[in-house]
Amino acid sequence: MAKIGSWQQANANMDAHQPSHPSHLFTLRLWLEELDDGRKEWRGQVRHVTSGEARYFRDWQTLVEHLKVVLACVEKAKEKTPESKGGQEGES
């Protein structure tokens, strides 16, 4: 039972260190693919958990650029909501 106790303690520690600011969760899947000429190449998929949007990539630059676009869109959408402007919907 020590493993369960350790897991519960680790989980409690993670909860205690959650940031107070919004965060974004992505899953990243990587695999090594063999090409026709015998070379191997890393491939990947990144998925924004909240929206479900997924993108495949073959190089790190494509991954980084996609993350920048997704996060910029999230921030723009957040700026347009009434809550982010300091008021509540329906207030004058």
C-alpha atoms as a PDB file:
ATOM      1  CA  MET A   1       0.000   0.000   0.000  1.00  0.00           C
ATOM      2  CA  ALA A   2       3.003   2.313   0.209  1.00  0.00           C
ATOM      3  CA  LYS A   3       2.770   2.935  -3.519  1.00  0.00           C
ATOM      4  CA  ILE A   4      -0.775   4.277  -3.242  1.00  0.00           C
ATOM      5  CA  GLY A   5       0.210   6.569  -0.380  1.00  0.00           C
ATOM      6  CA  SER A   6       3.206   7.826  -2.346  1.00  0.00           C
ATOM      7  CA  TRP A   7       1.026   8.427  -5.393  1.00  0.00           C
ATOM      8  CA  GLN A   8      -1.554  10.319  -3.321  1.00  0.00           C
ATOM      9  CA  GLN A   9       1.173  12.461  -1.746  1.00  0.00           C
ATOM     10  CA  ALA A  10       2.695  13.225  -5.163  1.00  0.00           C
ATOM     11  CA  ASN A  11      -0.759  14.134  -6.491  1.00  0.00           C
ATOM     12  CA  ALA A  12      -1.398  16.450  -3.518  1.00  0.00           C
ATOM     13  CA  ASN A  13       1.981  18.113  -4.091  1.00  0.00           C
ATOM     14  CA  MET A  14       1.133  18.702  -7.762  1.00  0.00           C
ATOM     15  CA  ASP A  15      -2.219  20.252  -6.834  1.00  0.00           C
ATOM     16  CA  ALA A  16      -0.488  22.585  -4.373  1.00  0.00           C
ATOM     17  CA  HIS A  17       1.811  23.887  -7.132  1.00  0.00           C
ATOM     18  CA  GLN A  18      -0.834  24.609  -9.764  1.00  0.00           C
ATOM     19  CA  PRO A  19      -0.325  28.040 -11.320  1.00  0.00           C
ATOM     20  CA  SER A  20      -2.880  30.700 -10.494  1.00  0.00           C
ATOM     21  CA  HIS A  21      -2.923  31.834 -14.115  1.00  0.00           C
ATOM     22  CA  PRO A  22      -4.626  29.985 -16.981  1.00  0.00           C
ATOM     23  CA  SER A  23      -2.640  27.262 -18.677  1.00  0.00           C
ATOM     24  CA  HIS A  24      -3.044  25.248 -21.860  1.00  0.00           C
ATOM     25  CA  LEU A  25      -2.724  21.502 -22.147  1.00  0.00           C
ATOM     26  CA  PHE A  26      -1.296  19.796 -25.221  1.00  0.00           C
ATOM     27  CA  THR A  27      -0.539  16.163 -25.909  1.00  0.00           C
ATOM     28  CA  LEU A  28       2.510  15.340 -27.955  1.00  0.00           C
ATOM     29  CA  ARG A  29       2.960  12.040 -29.784  1.00  0.00           C
ATOM     30  CA  LEU A  30       6.336  11.198 -31.347  1.00  0.00           C
ATOM     31  CA  TRP A  31       7.390   8.222 -33.429  1.00  0.00           C
ATOM     32  CA  LEU A  32      10.327   7.175 -35.574  1.00  0.00           C
ATOM     33  CA  GLU A  33       9.308   6.423 -39.151  1.00  0.00           C
ATOM     34  CA  GLU A  34      11.441   4.508 -41.613  1.00  0.00           C
ATOM     35  CA  LEU A  35      11.645   6.131 -45.057  1.00  0.00           C
ATOM     36  CA  ASP A  36      11.860   4.295 -48.400  1.00  0.00           C
ATOM     37  CA  ASP A  37      15.613   4.883 -48.677  1.00  0.00           C
ATOM     38  CA  GLY A  38      16.286   3.244 -45.286  1.00  0.00           C
ATOM     39  CA  ARG A  39      16.715   6.505 -43.370  1.00  0.00           C
ATOM     40  CA  LYS A  40      14.637   7.156 -40.274  1.00  0.00           C
ATOM     41  CA  GLU A  41      12.836  10.377 -39.451  1.00  0.00           C
ATOM     42  CA  TRP A  42      11.047  11.577 -36.344  1.00  0.00           C
ATOM     43  CA  ARG A  43       7.402  12.468 -36.896  1.00  0.00           C
ATOM     44  CA  GLY A  44       4.918  13.885 -34.470  1.00  0.00           C
ATOM     45  CA  GLN A  45       1.421  15.012 -33.646  1.00  0.00           C
ATOM     46  CA  VAL A  46       0.443  17.766 -31.244  1.00  0.00           C
ATOM     47  CA  ARG A  47      -3.142  18.094 -29.990  1.00  0.00           C
ATOM     48  CA  HIS A  48      -4.662  20.985 -28.049  1.00  0.00           C
ATOM     49  CA  VAL A  49      -6.665  19.120 -25.439  1.00  0.00           C
ATOM     50  CA  THR A  50      -9.372  21.754 -24.934  1.00  0.00           C
ATOM     51  CA  SER A  51     -10.242  22.306 -28.593  1.00  0.00           C
ATOM     52  CA  GLY A  52      -9.180  18.910 -29.925  1.00  0.00           C
ATOM     53  CA  GLU A  53      -7.283  20.587 -32.766  1.00  0.00           C
ATOM     54  CA  ALA A  54      -4.440  18.358 -33.972  1.00  0.00           C
ATOM     55  CA  ARG A  55      -1.481  18.982 -36.248  1.00  0.00           C
ATOM     56  CA  TYR A  56       1.122  16.609 -37.645  1.00  0.00           C
ATOM     57  CA  PHE A  57       4.707  17.713 -38.108  1.00  0.00           C
ATOM     58  CA  ARG A  58       8.044  16.453 -39.386  1.00  0.00           C
ATOM     59  CA  ASP A  59      10.325  19.078 -37.854  1.00  0.00           C
ATOM     60  CA  TRP A  60      10.530  21.040 -34.623  1.00  0.00           C
ATOM     61  CA  GLN A  61      10.077  24.430 -36.289  1.00  0.00           C
ATOM     62  CA  THR A  62       6.628  23.397 -37.559  1.00  0.00           C
ATOM     63  CA  LEU A  63       5.672  22.312 -34.036  1.00  0.00           C
ATOM     64  CA  VAL A  64       6.840  25.581 -32.483  1.00  0.00           C
ATOM     65  CA  GLU A  65       5.097  27.727 -35.104  1.00  0.00           C
ATOM     66  CA  HIS A  66       1.839  25.814 -34.631  1.00  0.00           C
ATOM     67  CA  LEU A  67       1.976  26.291 -30.842  1.00  0.00           C
ATOM     68  CA  LYS A  68       2.533  30.019 -31.308  1.00  0.00           C
ATOM     69  CA  VAL A  69      -0.510  30.284 -33.611  1.00  0.00           C
ATOM     70  CA  VAL A  70      -2.785  28.286 -31.307  1.00  0.00           C
ATOM     71  CA  LEU A  71      -1.791  30.277 -28.227  1.00  0.00           C
ATOM     72  CA  ALA A  72      -2.170  33.603 -30.045  1.00  0.00           C
ATOM     73  CA  CYS A  73      -5.689  32.606 -31.135  1.00  0.00           C
ATOM     74  CA  VAL A  74      -6.594  31.581 -27.589  1.00  0.00           C
ATOM     75  CA  GLU A  75      -5.360  34.909 -26.242  1.00  0.00           C
ATOM     76  CA  LYS A  76      -7.283  36.892 -28.890  1.00  0.00           C
ATOM     77  CA  ALA A  77     -10.480  35.009 -28.089  1.00  0.00           C
ATOM     78  CA  LYS A  78      -9.933  35.630 -24.382  1.00  0.00           C
ATOM     79  CA  GLU A  79      -9.541  39.381 -24.968  1.00  0.00           C
ATOM     80  CA  LYS A  80     -12.940  39.498 -26.719  1.00  0.00           C
ATOM     81  CA  THR A  81     -14.903  37.931 -23.849  1.00  0.00           C
ATOM     82  CA  PRO A  82     -16.820  40.249 -21.468  1.00  0.00           C
ATOM     83  CA  GLU A  83     -15.130  38.680 -18.413  1.00  0.00           C
ATOM     84  CA  SER A  84     -11.686  39.661 -19.696  1.00  0.00           C
ATOM     85  CA  LYS A  85     -12.767  43.296 -20.048  1.00  0.00           C
ATOM     86  CA  GLY A  86     -13.508  43.598 -16.348  1.00  0.00           C
ATOM     87  CA  GLY A  87     -17.293  43.484 -16.590  1.00  0.00           C
ATOM     88  CA  GLN A  88     -20.011  40.949 -16.753  1.00  0.00           C
ATOM     89  CA  GLU A  89     -22.294  40.394 -19.669  1.00  0.00           C
ATOM     90  CA  GLY A  90     -25.290  42.685 -19.499  1.00  0.00           C
ATOM     91  CA  GLU A  91     -23.556  45.428 -17.494  1.00  0.00           C
ATOM     92  CA  SER A  92     -23.456  48.968 -18.864  1.00  0.00           C
END
